[in-house]
């Protein structure tokens, strides 16, 4: 079970975008994820008239390692670690480590 999933709001812990918040757009492999508006890089794109692409410099989000982000906890307004708890009915749910509340997702 992944502790951070697509659609979760996360806070960047390290790097040039430290402290920024964003939503996870997608997971890249097992340990990397792409966060909206974070870790942007400029890529030079060659024009392709067959596809209708215009050339130039395009900014795109690059993947971050999952260890460099923390799930945003709305109760504490900070990034928080996530644990997994098994409920009485056998379901596995994600919980915040600081206050034990369930992650709303």
Protein backbone atom coordinates (compact mmCIF):
# COMPACT_ATOMS: atom_id res chain seq x y z
CA UNK A 1 0.00 0.00 0.00
CA UNK A 2 1.45 3.34 -1.07
CA UNK A 3 1.60 5.96 1.64
CA UNK A 4 1.47 8.80 -0.89
CA UNK A 5 -0.97 8.49 -3.78
CA UNK A 6 -2.11 10.42 -6.84
CA UNK A 7 -4.26 13.39 -5.80
CA UNK A 8 -2.67 13.82 -2.34
CA UNK A 9 -1.46 17.26 -1.26
CA UNK A 10 2.21 17.11 -0.28
CA UNK A 11 4.93 19.43 1.07
CA UNK A 12 8.48 19.31 -0.33
CA UNK A 13 11.03 18.68 2.43
CA UNK A 14 14.35 19.15 0.61
CA UNK A 15 15.81 20.72 -2.49
CA UNK A 16 15.32 24.00 -4.32
CA UNK A 17 11.53 23.89 -3.83
CA UNK A 18 11.63 23.21 -0.10
CA UNK A 19 8.43 24.26 1.68
CA UNK A 20 6.29 24.36 -1.47
CA UNK A 21 2.96 22.55 -1.55
CA UNK A 22 1.40 20.81 -4.50
CA UNK A 23 -0.83 17.97 -5.60
CA UNK A 24 0.61 14.66 -6.78
CA UNK A 25 -0.15 14.39 -10.50
CA UNK A 26 1.19 10.87 -11.06
CA UNK A 27 3.60 8.26 -9.75
CA UNK A 28 6.66 7.42 -11.82
CA UNK A 29 7.78 3.94 -10.91
CA UNK A 30 7.72 2.74 -7.34
CA UNK A 31 9.71 5.53 -5.64
CA UNK A 32 9.21 8.71 -7.68
CA UNK A 33 6.28 11.05 -8.16
CA UNK A 34 5.46 14.21 -10.09
CA UNK A 35 4.06 17.12 -8.06
CA UNK A 36 2.14 19.98 -9.67
CA UNK A 37 4.20 23.20 -9.89
CA UNK A 38 7.25 21.72 -8.14
CA UNK A 39 10.71 20.77 -9.50
CA UNK A 40 10.14 22.42 -12.85
CA UNK A 41 12.85 22.15 -15.53
CA UNK A 42 13.22 23.87 -18.88
CA UNK A 43 13.25 21.55 -21.86
CA UNK A 44 14.17 22.62 -25.39
CA UNK A 45 11.63 21.23 -27.84
CA UNK A 46 12.19 20.95 -31.56
CA UNK A 47 9.21 21.90 -33.75
CA UNK A 48 7.27 19.05 -35.34
CA UNK A 49 4.89 20.27 -38.04
CA UNK A 50 3.36 16.81 -38.52
CA UNK A 51 2.10 16.78 -34.91
CA UNK A 52 1.42 20.51 -34.89
CA UNK A 53 4.01 21.19 -32.16
CA UNK A 54 5.68 24.57 -31.99
CA UNK A 55 9.33 24.60 -31.02
CA UNK A 56 10.78 26.53 -28.12
CA UNK A 57 11.55 26.24 -24.43
CA UNK A 58 8.92 24.39 -22.41
CA UNK A 59 8.77 24.09 -18.62
CA UNK A 60 7.78 20.69 -17.31
CA UNK A 61 7.55 19.05 -13.90
CA UNK A 62 10.25 16.49 -13.18
CA UNK A 63 9.91 13.54 -10.79
CA UNK A 64 10.82 13.79 -7.10
CA UNK A 65 11.84 10.93 -4.84
CA UNK A 66 9.07 9.97 -2.45
CA UNK A 67 11.40 10.46 0.56
CA UNK A 68 11.69 14.19 -0.26
CA UNK A 69 7.99 14.91 0.27
CA UNK A 70 5.58 14.60 3.19
CA UNK A 71 1.80 14.41 3.14
CA UNK A 72 0.18 17.73 4.13
CA UNK A 73 -1.84 17.51 7.35
CA UNK A 74 -4.67 20.11 7.32
CA UNK A 75 -5.13 19.86 11.11
CA UNK A 76 -1.56 20.94 11.91
CA UNK A 77 -0.93 22.88 8.66
CA UNK A 78 2.40 21.02 8.26
CA UNK A 79 3.86 18.06 6.44
CA UNK A 80 3.41 14.81 8.30
CA UNK A 81 4.52 11.20 8.15
CA UNK A 82 1.99 8.54 7.28
CA UNK A 83 1.35 5.16 8.86
CA UNK A 84 -1.00 2.32 8.04
CA UNK A 85 -3.57 1.01 10.50
CA UNK A 86 -5.81 -2.04 10.14
CA UNK A 87 -9.40 -1.42 11.22
CA UNK A 88 -11.64 -3.95 12.99
CA UNK A 89 -13.34 -4.90 9.71
CA UNK A 90 -9.95 -5.73 8.14
CA UNK A 91 -9.56 -2.60 5.98
CA UNK A 92 -6.18 -0.90 5.80
CA UNK A 93 -6.30 2.89 6.15
CA UNK A 94 -3.67 5.62 6.16
CA UNK A 95 -3.24 7.69 9.33
CA UNK A 96 -1.12 10.71 10.24
CA UNK A 97 1.67 9.85 12.70
CA UNK A 98 1.41 13.09 14.69
CA UNK A 99 -2.25 12.97 15.71
CA UNK A 100 -3.50 9.56 14.52
CA UNK A 101 -6.29 11.02 12.34
CA UNK A 102 -7.33 9.25 9.14
CA UNK A 103 -6.10 10.61 5.83
CA UNK A 104 -9.07 11.88 3.81
CA UNK A 105 -8.64 10.25 0.41
